[in-house]
Protein backbone atom coordinates (compact mmCIF):
# COMPACT_ATOMS: atom_id res chain seq x y z
CA MET A 1 100.07 84.05 92.21
CA ALA A 2 98.96 86.05 89.87
CA ALA A 3 95.48 85.44 89.33
CA VAL A 4 95.54 86.44 93.73
CA GLY A 5 96.67 89.70 92.38
CA VAL A 6 94.55 90.70 89.44
CA VAL A 7 91.49 88.77 92.25
CA MET A 8 92.59 92.00 94.91
CA PHE A 9 93.57 94.93 92.42
CA GLY A 10 89.92 94.46 90.82
CA SER A 11 88.05 94.10 95.03
CA ALA A 12 89.92 97.24 95.38
CA ARG A 13 88.56 99.01 92.04
CA TYR A 14 84.86 97.42 92.63
CA LEU A 15 83.77 98.68 95.78
CA PRO A 16 84.32 102.29 95.22
CA LEU A 17 83.16 102.14 92.25
CA PHE A 18 80.13 100.24 93.72
CA GLN A 19 79.34 102.77 97.07
CA GLN A 20 79.20 105.25 93.95
CA SER A 21 77.16 103.72 91.29
CA VAL A 22 74.90 101.92 94.12
CA GLN A 23 74.80 103.76 96.89
CA GLY A 24 75.77 107.84 95.62
CA ALA A 25 78.88 107.92 97.60
CA THR A 26 80.73 110.05 96.48
CA ALA A 27 83.93 109.90 95.01
CA THR A 28 85.82 111.48 98.51
CA SER A 29 83.98 108.59 100.41
CA SER A 30 84.37 106.31 98.66
CA GLY A 31 88.17 106.54 98.40
CA LEU A 32 87.80 107.70 101.83
CA LEU A 33 85.87 103.99 103.13
CA LEU A 34 88.09 101.82 101.61
CA LEU A 35 90.71 102.71 104.64
CA PRO A 36 89.02 99.96 106.61
CA MET A 37 90.04 97.50 104.06
CA MET A 38 92.94 98.96 103.59
CA ILE A 39 94.10 99.47 107.07
CA PRO A 40 94.41 95.56 108.08
CA VAL A 41 96.35 95.07 104.75
CA VAL A 42 99.39 96.84 106.12
CA ILE A 43 98.79 95.57 109.25
CA ALA A 44 98.49 91.69 108.73
CA SER A 45 101.01 92.00 105.55
CA HIS A 46 103.31 93.81 108.66
CA LEU A 47 103.02 90.92 111.09
CA ALA A 48 103.31 87.92 109.14
CA GLY A 49 106.58 89.46 107.36
CA LYS A 50 107.48 89.46 111.07
CA VAL A 51 106.60 85.48 112.26
CA MET A 52 108.68 84.58 108.53
CA SER A 53 111.56 86.02 109.15
CA ARG A 54 111.60 84.87 112.96
CA THR A 55 110.05 80.99 112.46
CA GLY A 56 111.08 80.45 108.56
CA ARG A 57 108.28 79.30 108.32
CA TYR A 58 106.05 81.28 104.75
CA LYS A 59 103.72 78.51 103.44
CA VAL A 60 101.12 78.82 105.55
CA PHE A 61 100.58 82.75 105.01
CA PRO A 62 100.20 82.63 101.17
CA VAL A 63 97.36 79.49 100.93
CA LEU A 64 95.43 80.95 104.51
CA GLY A 65 95.58 84.21 101.99
CA THR A 66 94.51 82.72 99.22
CA LEU A 67 91.09 81.66 101.61
CA LEU A 68 90.58 84.48 103.09
CA LEU A 69 90.14 86.17 99.39
CA THR A 70 88.54 83.54 98.19
CA ALA A 71 85.74 84.51 101.54
CA GLY A 72 85.76 87.84 100.76
CA THR A 73 85.69 87.64 96.67
CA LEU A 74 82.13 85.66 97.25
CA ALA A 75 81.18 88.56 99.63
CA LEU A 76 81.48 91.04 97.36
CA ALA A 77 80.04 89.39 94.78
CA THR A 78 76.34 89.00 96.94
CA MET A 79 76.00 92.66 97.06
CA GLY A 80 72.58 94.54 95.54
CA THR A 81 70.71 97.56 95.57
CA GLY A 82 70.32 96.29 99.49
CA THR A 83 73.54 95.99 101.01
CA SER A 84 74.17 98.49 103.95
CA ARG A 85 77.79 100.57 103.75
CA LEU A 86 78.07 99.64 107.09
CA LEU A 87 78.04 95.44 105.39
CA ALA A 88 79.45 97.42 102.76
CA ASP A 89 82.89 98.42 104.24
């Protein structure tokens, strides 16, 4: 699980740097461009906590989260100079 945390932290650090250096965004706008990624994280954490409290089942969430994190990391790895700002968000 520590590896998942490292990948999540690295992804959150990579995206603003990519937007600033490759796409020419300012520091303020690259921070604001993280909102489409961070708001769903808060909502999903809240919903997963509610489901775990009600059902007592928790094993599906780390597995599903790891799969989604892997897909997102692979998508970040394919970004280049031609990646649009809309797709990078």
